[in-house]
Every structure is written in structure tokens, then in C-alpha cells.
Full PDB file with SEQRES, HELIX, SHEET, SSBOND, CRYST1, ORIGX, SCALE, CONECT and MASTER records, all heavy atoms in Angstrom:
SEQRES   1 A   34  GLY ASP SER LEU ASP ASP TYR VAL VAL GLY TRP PHE ARG          
SEQRES   2 A   34  GLN ALA PRO GLY LYS GLU ARG GLU ALA VAL SER SER ILE          
SEQRES   3 A   34  ASN SER SER GLY ALA THR THR VAL                              
HELIX    1 AA1 LEU A    4  ASP A    6  5                                   3    
SHEET    1 AA1 2 VAL A   9  ARG A  13  0                                        
SHEET    2 AA1 2 GLU A  21  ILE A  26 -1                                        
CRYST1    1.000    1.000    1.000  90.00  90.00  90.00 P 1           1          
ORIGX1      1.000000  0.000000  0.000000        0.00000                         
ORIGX2      0.000000  1.000000  0.000000        0.00000                         
ORIGX3      0.000000  0.000000  1.000000        0.00000                         
SCALE1      1.000000  0.000000  0.000000        0.00000                         
SCALE2      0.000000  1.000000  0.000000        0.00000                         
SCALE3      0.000000  0.000000  1.000000        0.00000                         
ATOM      1  N   GLY A   1     184.454  49.698 112.485  1.00  0.00           N  
ATOM      2  CA  GLY A   1     184.931  49.598 111.109  1.00  0.00           C  
ATOM      3  C   GLY A   1     185.774  48.386 110.838  1.00  0.00           C  
ATOM      4  O   GLY A   1     186.085  48.082 109.691  1.00  0.00           O  
ATOM      5  N   ASP A   2     186.199  47.686 111.873  1.00  0.00           N  
ATOM      6  CA  ASP A   2     186.978  46.465 111.714  1.00  0.00           C  
ATOM      7  C   ASP A   2     186.047  45.379 111.194  1.00  0.00           C  
ATOM      8  O   ASP A   2     184.875  45.325 111.568  1.00  0.00           O  
ATOM      9  CB  ASP A   2     187.555  46.056 113.064  1.00  0.00           C  
ATOM     10  CG  ASP A   2     188.894  45.378 112.939  1.00  0.00           C  
ATOM     11  OD1 ASP A   2     189.547  45.573 111.900  1.00  0.00           O  
ATOM     12  OD2 ASP A   2     189.300  44.646 113.868  1.00  0.00           O  
ATOM     13  N   SER A   3     186.588  44.526 110.341  1.00  0.00           N  
ATOM     14  CA  SER A   3     185.776  43.451 109.805  1.00  0.00           C  
ATOM     15  C   SER A   3     186.672  42.297 109.369  1.00  0.00           C  
ATOM     16  O   SER A   3     187.900  42.385 109.464  1.00  0.00           O  
ATOM     17  CB  SER A   3     184.936  43.940 108.611  1.00  0.00           C  
ATOM     18  OG  SER A   3     185.780  44.306 107.551  1.00  0.00           O  
ATOM     19  N   LEU A   4     186.034  41.235 108.909  1.00  0.00           N  
ATOM     20  CA  LEU A   4     186.791  40.041 108.555  1.00  0.00           C  
ATOM     21  C   LEU A   4     187.785  40.298 107.438  1.00  0.00           C  
ATOM     22  O   LEU A   4     188.812  39.598 107.355  1.00  0.00           O  
ATOM     23  CB  LEU A   4     185.828  38.912 108.180  1.00  0.00           C  
ATOM     24  CG  LEU A   4     186.441  37.540 107.961  1.00  0.00           C  
ATOM     25  CD1 LEU A   4     187.179  37.066 109.209  1.00  0.00           C  
ATOM     26  CD2 LEU A   4     185.368  36.540 107.575  1.00  0.00           C  
ATOM     27  N   ASP A   5     187.564  41.290 106.597  1.00  0.00           N  
ATOM     28  CA  ASP A   5     188.520  41.541 105.529  1.00  0.00           C  
ATOM     29  C   ASP A   5     189.778  42.253 106.015  1.00  0.00           C  
ATOM     30  O   ASP A   5     190.601  42.695 105.219  1.00  0.00           O  
ATOM     31  CB  ASP A   5     187.895  42.236 104.320  1.00  0.00           C  
ATOM     32  CG  ASP A   5     187.294  43.567 104.648  1.00  0.00           C  
ATOM     33  OD1 ASP A   5     187.478  44.055 105.781  1.00  0.00           O  
ATOM     34  OD2 ASP A   5     186.646  44.152 103.770  1.00  0.00           O  
ATOM     35  N   ASP A   6     189.916  42.368 107.322  1.00  0.00           N  
ATOM     36  CA  ASP A   6     191.181  42.813 107.930  1.00  0.00           C  
ATOM     37  C   ASP A   6     191.997  41.657 108.486  1.00  0.00           C  
ATOM     38  O   ASP A   6     193.083  41.872 109.050  1.00  0.00           O  
ATOM     39  CB  ASP A   6     190.907  43.791 109.085  1.00  0.00           C  
ATOM     40  CG  ASP A   6     190.268  45.086 108.605  1.00  0.00           C  
ATOM     41  OD1 ASP A   6     190.848  45.722 107.708  1.00  0.00           O  
ATOM     42  OD2 ASP A   6     189.193  45.440 109.139  1.00  0.00           O  
ATOM     43  N   TYR A   7     191.462  40.425 108.352  1.00  0.00           N  
ATOM     44  CA  TYR A   7     192.036  39.281 109.038  1.00  0.00           C  
ATOM     45  C   TYR A   7     192.447  38.152 108.094  1.00  0.00           C  
ATOM     46  O   TYR A   7     191.714  37.793 107.172  1.00  0.00           O  
ATOM     47  CB  TYR A   7     191.028  38.706 110.053  1.00  0.00           C  
ATOM     48  CG  TYR A   7     190.799  39.597 111.243  1.00  0.00           C  
ATOM     49  CD1 TYR A   7     189.987  40.716 111.157  1.00  0.00           C  
ATOM     50  CD2 TYR A   7     191.407  39.320 112.471  1.00  0.00           C  
ATOM     51  CE1 TYR A   7     189.793  41.549 112.257  1.00  0.00           C  
ATOM     52  CE2 TYR A   7     191.207  40.122 113.580  1.00  0.00           C  
ATOM     53  CZ  TYR A   7     190.393  41.240 113.457  1.00  0.00           C  
ATOM     54  OH  TYR A   7     190.207  42.055 114.550  1.00  0.00           O  
ATOM     55  N   VAL A   8     193.592  37.574 108.375  1.00  0.00           N  
ATOM     56  CA  VAL A   8     193.962  36.294 107.776  1.00  0.00           C  
ATOM     57  C   VAL A   8     193.350  35.200 108.634  1.00  0.00           C  
ATOM     58  O   VAL A   8     193.282  35.314 109.861  1.00  0.00           O  
ATOM     59  CB  VAL A   8     195.494  36.129 107.696  1.00  0.00           C  
ATOM     60  CG1 VAL A   8     196.169  36.234 109.056  1.00  0.00           C  
ATOM     61  CG2 VAL A   8     195.863  34.823 107.020  1.00  0.00           C  
ATOM     62  N   VAL A   9     192.856  34.151 107.975  1.00  0.00           N  
ATOM     63  CA  VAL A   9     192.222  33.045 108.681  1.00  0.00           C  
ATOM     64  C   VAL A   9     192.842  31.726 108.220  1.00  0.00           C  
ATOM     65  O   VAL A   9     193.127  31.542 107.043  1.00  0.00           O  
ATOM     66  CB  VAL A   9     190.705  33.021 108.450  1.00  0.00           C  
ATOM     67  CG1 VAL A   9     190.067  31.821 109.142  1.00  0.00           C  
ATOM     68  CG2 VAL A   9     190.073  34.320 108.941  1.00  0.00           C  
ATOM     69  N   GLY A  10     193.048  30.849 109.175  1.00  0.00           N  
ATOM     70  CA  GLY A  10     193.597  29.543 108.859  1.00  0.00           C  
ATOM     71  C   GLY A  10     192.756  28.432 109.436  1.00  0.00           C  
ATOM     72  O   GLY A  10     192.038  28.631 110.429  1.00  0.00           O  
ATOM     73  N   TRP A  11     192.833  27.278 108.807  1.00  0.00           N  
ATOM     74  CA  TRP A  11     192.257  26.051 109.350  1.00  0.00           C  
ATOM     75  C   TRP A  11     193.408  25.115 109.729  1.00  0.00           C  
ATOM     76  O   TRP A  11     194.343  24.935 108.946  1.00  0.00           O  
ATOM     77  CB  TRP A  11     191.358  25.359 108.330  1.00  0.00           C  
ATOM     78  CG  TRP A  11     190.019  25.987 108.163  1.00  0.00           C  
ATOM     79  CD1 TRP A  11     189.629  26.871 107.204  1.00  0.00           C  
ATOM     80  CD2 TRP A  11     188.861  25.770 108.989  1.00  0.00           C  
ATOM     81  NE1 TRP A  11     188.315  27.212 107.361  1.00  0.00           N  
ATOM     82  CE2 TRP A  11     187.802  26.552 108.445  1.00  0.00           C  
ATOM     83  CE3 TRP A  11     188.591  24.978 110.111  1.00  0.00           C  
ATOM     84  CZ2 TRP A  11     186.525  26.582 109.018  1.00  0.00           C  
ATOM     85  CZ3 TRP A  11     187.325  25.001 110.667  1.00  0.00           C  
ATOM     86  CH2 TRP A  11     186.307  25.797 110.124  1.00  0.00           C  
ATOM     87  N   PHE A  12     193.290  24.531 110.898  1.00  0.00           N  
ATOM     88  CA  PHE A  12     194.261  23.576 111.397  1.00  0.00           C  
ATOM     89  C   PHE A  12     193.497  22.330 111.856  1.00  0.00           C  
ATOM     90  O   PHE A  12     192.285  22.378 112.054  1.00  0.00           O  
ATOM     91  CB  PHE A  12     195.034  24.166 112.587  1.00  0.00           C  
ATOM     92  CG  PHE A  12     195.907  25.333 112.217  1.00  0.00           C  
ATOM     93  CD1 PHE A  12     195.361  26.593 112.028  1.00  0.00           C  
ATOM     94  CD2 PHE A  12     197.267  25.172 112.057  1.00  0.00           C  
ATOM     95  CE1 PHE A  12     196.170  27.671 111.663  1.00  0.00           C  
ATOM     96  CE2 PHE A  12     198.084  26.233 111.713  1.00  0.00           C  
ATOM     97  CZ  PHE A  12     197.526  27.480 111.517  1.00  0.00           C  
ATOM     98  N   ARG A  13     194.229  21.229 112.019  1.00  0.00           N  
ATOM     99  CA  ARG A  13     193.572  20.026 112.532  1.00  0.00           C  
ATOM    100  C   ARG A  13     194.535  19.250 113.424  1.00  0.00           C  
ATOM    101  O   ARG A  13     195.749  19.345 113.269  1.00  0.00           O  
ATOM    102  CB  ARG A  13     193.090  19.143 111.394  1.00  0.00           C  
ATOM    103  CG  ARG A  13     194.186  18.520 110.548  1.00  0.00           C  
ATOM    104  CD  ARG A  13     193.574  17.773 109.357  1.00  0.00           C  
ATOM    105  NE  ARG A  13     194.608  17.143 108.537  1.00  0.00           N  
ATOM    106  CZ  ARG A  13     194.342  16.517 107.387  1.00  0.00           C  
ATOM    107  NH1 ARG A  13     193.086  16.457 106.915  1.00  0.00           N  
ATOM    108  NH2 ARG A  13     195.322  15.960 106.695  1.00  0.00           N  
ATOM    109  N   GLN A  14     193.935  18.490 114.340  1.00  0.00           N  
ATOM    110  CA  GLN A  14     194.723  17.668 115.230  1.00  0.00           C  
ATOM    111  C   GLN A  14     194.082  16.300 115.345  1.00  0.00           C  
ATOM    112  O   GLN A  14     192.955  16.188 115.835  1.00  0.00           O  
ATOM    113  CB  GLN A  14     194.871  18.302 116.605  1.00  0.00           C  
ATOM    114  CG  GLN A  14     195.847  17.555 117.497  1.00  0.00           C  
ATOM    115  CD  GLN A  14     196.215  18.339 118.741  1.00  0.00           C  
ATOM    116  OE1 GLN A  14     195.518  19.257 119.170  1.00  0.00           O  
ATOM    117  NE2 GLN A  14     197.366  18.003 119.329  1.00  0.00           N  
ATOM    118  N   ALA A  15     194.795  15.302 114.877  1.00  0.00           N  
ATOM    119  CA  ALA A  15     194.323  13.910 114.980  1.00  0.00           C  
ATOM    120  C   ALA A  15     194.772  13.333 116.308  1.00  0.00           C  
ATOM    121  O   ALA A  15     195.749  13.807 116.911  1.00  0.00           O  
ATOM    122  CB  ALA A  15     194.881  13.099 113.821  1.00  0.00           C  
ATOM    123  N   PRO A  16     194.093  12.308 116.779  1.00  0.00           N  
ATOM    124  CA  PRO A  16     194.473  11.696 118.070  1.00  0.00           C  
ATOM    125  C   PRO A  16     195.940  11.255 118.071  1.00  0.00           C  
ATOM    126  O   PRO A  16     196.402  10.578 117.148  1.00  0.00           O  
ATOM    127  CB  PRO A  16     193.538  10.489 118.166  1.00  0.00           C  
ATOM    128  CG  PRO A  16     192.368  10.842 117.336  1.00  0.00           C  
ATOM    129  CD  PRO A  16     192.903  11.676 116.205  1.00  0.00           C  
ATOM    130  N   GLY A  17     196.657  11.667 119.099  1.00  0.00           N  
ATOM    131  CA  GLY A  17     198.046  11.267 119.237  1.00  0.00           C  
ATOM    132  C   GLY A  17     199.024  11.978 118.326  1.00  0.00           C  
ATOM    133  O   GLY A  17     200.206  11.622 118.284  1.00  0.00           O  
ATOM    134  N   LYS A  18     198.544  12.998 117.599  1.00  0.00           N  
ATOM    135  CA  LYS A  18     199.432  13.708 116.662  1.00  0.00           C  
ATOM    136  C   LYS A  18     199.484  15.187 116.980  1.00  0.00           C  
ATOM    137  O   LYS A  18     198.611  15.723 117.670  1.00  0.00           O  
ATOM    138  CB  LYS A  18     198.932  13.489 115.222  1.00  0.00           C  
ATOM    139  CG  LYS A  18     199.053  12.064 114.742  1.00  0.00           C  
ATOM    140  CD  LYS A  18     198.751  11.961 113.265  1.00  0.00           C  
ATOM    141  CE  LYS A  18     198.949  10.561 112.733  1.00  0.00           C  
ATOM    142  NZ  LYS A  18     198.682  10.453 111.274  1.00  0.00           N  
ATOM    143  N   GLU A  19     200.497  15.839 116.437  1.00  0.00           N  
ATOM    144  CA  GLU A  19     200.624  17.284 116.577  1.00  0.00           C  
ATOM    145  C   GLU A  19     199.571  17.980 115.698  1.00  0.00           C  
ATOM    146  O   GLU A  19     199.144  17.449 114.675  1.00  0.00           O  
ATOM    147  CB  GLU A  19     202.021  17.737 116.120  1.00  0.00           C  
ATOM    148  CG  GLU A  19     203.163  17.199 116.970  1.00  0.00           C  
ATOM    149  CD  GLU A  19     203.213  17.867 118.332  1.00  0.00           C  
ATOM    150  OE1 GLU A  19     203.035  19.097 118.385  1.00  0.00           O  
ATOM    151  OE2 GLU A  19     203.441  17.151 119.335  1.00  0.00           O  
ATOM    152  N   ARG A  20     199.183  19.180 116.129  1.00  0.00           N  
ATOM    153  CA  ARG A  20     198.281  19.976 115.299  1.00  0.00           C  
ATOM    154  C   ARG A  20     199.022  20.385 114.036  1.00  0.00           C  
ATOM    155  O   ARG A  20     200.206  20.748 114.103  1.00  0.00           O  
ATOM    156  CB  ARG A  20     197.769  21.186 116.064  1.00  0.00           C  
ATOM    157  CG  ARG A  20     196.667  21.928 115.360  1.00  0.00           C  
ATOM    158  CD  ARG A  20     195.843  22.764 116.325  1.00  0.00           C  
ATOM    159  NE  ARG A  20     196.619  23.719 117.077  1.00  0.00           N  
ATOM    160  CZ  ARG A  20     196.106  24.480 118.044  1.00  0.00           C  
ATOM    161  NH1 ARG A  20     194.837  24.359 118.382  1.00  0.00           N  
ATOM    162  NH2 ARG A  20     196.879  25.331 118.678  1.00  0.00           N  
ATOM    163  N   GLU A  21     198.329  20.346 112.904  1.00  0.00           N  
ATOM    164  CA  GLU A  21     198.957  20.698 111.632  1.00  0.00           C  
ATOM    165  C   GLU A  21     198.080  21.681 110.872  1.00  0.00           C  
ATOM    166  O   GLU A  21     196.855  21.723 111.033  1.00  0.00           O  
ATOM    167  CB  GLU A  21     199.164  19.437 110.773  1.00  0.00           C  
ATOM    168  CG  GLU A  21     197.906  18.732 110.372  1.00  0.00           C  
ATOM    169  CD  GLU A  21     198.141  17.552 109.438  1.00  0.00           C  
ATOM    170  OE1 GLU A  21     199.301  17.313 109.043  1.00  0.00           O  
ATOM    171  OE2 GLU A  21     197.166  16.879 109.091  1.00  0.00           O  
ATOM    172  N   ALA A  22     198.728  22.465 110.033  1.00  0.00           N  
ATOM    173  CA  ALA A  22     198.022  23.430 109.207  1.00  0.00           C  
ATOM    174  C   ALA A  22     197.361  22.734 108.042  1.00  0.00           C  
ATOM    175  O   ALA A  22     197.932  21.815 107.444  1.00  0.00           O  
ATOM    176  CB  ALA A  22     198.981  24.497 108.703  1.00  0.00           C  
ATOM    177  N   VAL A  23     196.164  23.161 107.727  1.00  0.00           N  
ATOM    178  CA  VAL A  23     195.411  22.616 106.599  1.00  0.00           C  
ATOM    179  C   VAL A  23     195.335  23.623 105.458  1.00  0.00           C  
ATOM    180  O   VAL A  23     195.619  23.300 104.304  1.00  0.00           O  
ATOM    181  CB  VAL A  23     193.987  22.221 107.043  1.00  0.00           C  
ATOM    182  CG1 VAL A  23     193.153  21.764 105.857  1.00  0.00           C  
ATOM    183  CG2 VAL A  23     194.041  21.139 108.115  1.00  0.00           C  
ATOM    184  N   SER A  24     194.955  24.859 105.793  1.00  0.00           N  
ATOM    185  CA  SER A  24     194.749  25.845 104.747  1.00  0.00           C  
ATOM    186  C   SER A  24     194.710  27.232 105.360  1.00  0.00           C  
ATOM    187  O   SER A  24     194.472  27.392 106.565  1.00  0.00           O  
ATOM    188  CB  SER A  24     193.440  25.572 104.003  1.00  0.00           C  
ATOM    189  OG  SER A  24     193.236  26.473 102.942  1.00  0.00           O  
ATOM    190  N   SER A  25     194.929  28.229 104.524  1.00  0.00           N  
ATOM    191  CA  SER A  25     194.845  29.615 104.985  1.00  0.00           C  
ATOM    192  C   SER A  25     194.335  30.493 103.848  1.00  0.00           C  
ATOM    193  O   SER A  25     194.568  30.188 102.658  1.00  0.00           O  
ATOM    194  CB  SER A  25     196.213  30.105 105.458  1.00  0.00           C  
ATOM    195  OG  SER A  25     196.194  31.470 105.806  1.00  0.00           O  
ATOM    196  N   ILE A  26     193.664  31.585 104.230  1.00  0.00           N  
ATOM    197  CA  ILE A  26     193.150  32.544 103.238  1.00  0.00           C  
ATOM    198  C   ILE A  26     193.483  33.946 103.730  1.00  0.00           C  
ATOM    199  O   ILE A  26     193.365  34.250 104.915  1.00  0.00           O  
ATOM    200  CB  ILE A  26     191.634  32.338 103.031  1.00  0.00           C  
ATOM    201  CG1 ILE A  26     191.115  33.189 101.865  1.00  0.00           C  
ATOM    202  CG2 ILE A  26     190.853  32.602 104.308  1.00  0.00           C  
ATOM    203  CD1 ILE A  26     189.727  32.768 101.400  1.00  0.00           C  
ATOM    204  N   ASN A  27     193.916  34.807 102.819  1.00  0.00           N  
ATOM    205  CA  ASN A  27     194.350  36.134 103.251  1.00  0.00           C  
ATOM    206  C   ASN A  27     193.154  37.046 103.508  1.00  0.00           C  
ATOM    207  O   ASN A  27     192.002  36.664 103.330  1.00  0.00           O  
ATOM    208  CB  ASN A  27     195.327  36.732 102.254  1.00  0.00           C  
ATOM    209  CG  ASN A  27     194.680  37.252 100.995  1.00  0.00           C  
ATOM    210  OD1 ASN A  27     193.596  36.782 100.603  1.00  0.00           O  
ATOM    211  ND2 ASN A  27     195.314  38.208 100.355  1.00  0.00           N  
ATOM    212  N   SER A  28     193.447  38.254 103.937  1.00  0.00           N  
ATOM    213  CA  SER A  28     192.381  39.150 104.400  1.00  0.00           C  
ATOM    214  C   SER A  28     191.347  39.448 103.316  1.00  0.00           C  
ATOM    215  O   SER A  28     190.138  39.444 103.580  1.00  0.00           O  
ATOM    216  CB  SER A  28     192.993  40.456 104.926  1.00  0.00           C  
ATOM    217  OG  SER A  28     193.889  41.018 103.979  1.00  0.00           O  
ATOM    218  N   SER A  29     191.779  39.655 102.101  1.00  0.00           N  
ATOM    219  CA  SER A  29     190.832  39.980 101.018  1.00  0.00           C  
ATOM    220  C   SER A  29     190.131  38.749 100.464  1.00  0.00           C  
ATOM    221  O   SER A  29     189.105  38.867  99.781  1.00  0.00           O  
ATOM    222  CB  SER A  29     191.558  40.693  99.870  1.00  0.00           C  
ATOM    223  OG  SER A  29     192.424  39.794  99.205  1.00  0.00           O  
ATOM    224  N   GLY A  30     190.692  37.576 100.734  1.00  0.00           N  
ATOM    225  CA  GLY A  30     190.142  36.349 100.171  1.00  0.00           C  
ATOM    226  C   GLY A  30     190.721  35.998  98.827  1.00  0.00           C  
ATOM    227  O   GLY A  30     190.338  34.986  98.240  1.00  0.00           O  
ATOM    228  N   ALA A  31     191.665  36.782  98.344  1.00  0.00           N  
ATOM    229  CA  ALA A  31     192.202  36.576  97.003  1.00  0.00           C  
ATOM    230  C   ALA A  31     193.285  35.516  96.941  1.00  0.00           C  
ATOM    231  O   ALA A  31     193.568  34.968  95.869  1.00  0.00           O  
ATOM    232  CB  ALA A  31     192.753  37.891  96.474  1.00  0.00           C  
ATOM    233  N   THR A  32     193.910  35.222  98.064  1.00  0.00           N  
ATOM    234  CA  THR A  32     195.036  34.277  98.081  1.00  0.00           C  
ATOM    235  C   THR A  32     194.778  33.171  99.077  1.00  0.00           C  
ATOM    236  O   THR A  32     194.351  33.420 100.212  1.00  0.00           O  
ATOM    237  CB  THR A  32     196.332  35.002  98.467  1.00  0.00           C  
ATOM    238  OG1 THR A  32     196.549  36.079  97.569  1.00  0.00           O  
ATOM    239  CG2 THR A  32     197.531  34.054  98.398  1.00  0.00           C  
ATOM    240  N   THR A  33     195.029  31.938  98.640  1.00  0.00           N  
ATOM    241  CA  THR A  33     194.844  30.766  99.491  1.00  0.00           C  
ATOM    242  C   THR A  33     196.057  29.864  99.411  1.00  0.00           C  
ATOM    243  O   THR A  33     196.836  29.931  98.453  1.00  0.00           O  
ATOM    244  CB  THR A  33     193.599  29.967  99.081  1.00  0.00           C  
ATOM    245  OG1 THR A  33     193.742  29.545  97.715  1.00  0.00           O  
ATOM    246  CG2 THR A  33     192.327  30.803  99.204  1.00  0.00           C  
ATOM    247  N   VAL A  34     196.202  29.028 100.401  1.00  0.00           N  
ATOM    248  CA  VAL A  34     197.296  28.048 100.413  1.00  0.00           C  
ATOM    249  C   VAL A  34     196.775  26.798 101.096  1.00  0.00           C  
ATOM    250  O   VAL A  34     195.882  26.878 101.983  1.00  0.00           O  
ATOM    251  CB  VAL A  34     198.533  28.625 101.133  1.00  0.00           C  
ATOM    252  CG1 VAL A  34     198.255  28.918 102.587  1.00  0.00           C  
ATOM    253  CG2 VAL A  34     199.728  27.705 100.964  1.00  0.00           C  
TER     254      VAL A  34                                                      
MASTER        0    0    0    1    2    0    0    6  253    1    0    3          
END                                                                             
């Protein structure tokens, strides 16, 4: 019964020589993004 609508998902990126940084996130229902 578990599915993706139970999970928050984020995208991150790491450029050469730099720290990994957050790009975007979406909440479990998909209704909220940042």
C-alpha cells in the first residue's frame, strides 16, 4: 500500500569542486513545491 504519494522528493546538484546544493522539492501529494 506504500506509494510515491507517501514521500517527499527533492532534486539536488553538485558541480565540480562545489558542495551539493538543493534545487527543488515537492511534497508527498505533489501540491507544494519549492
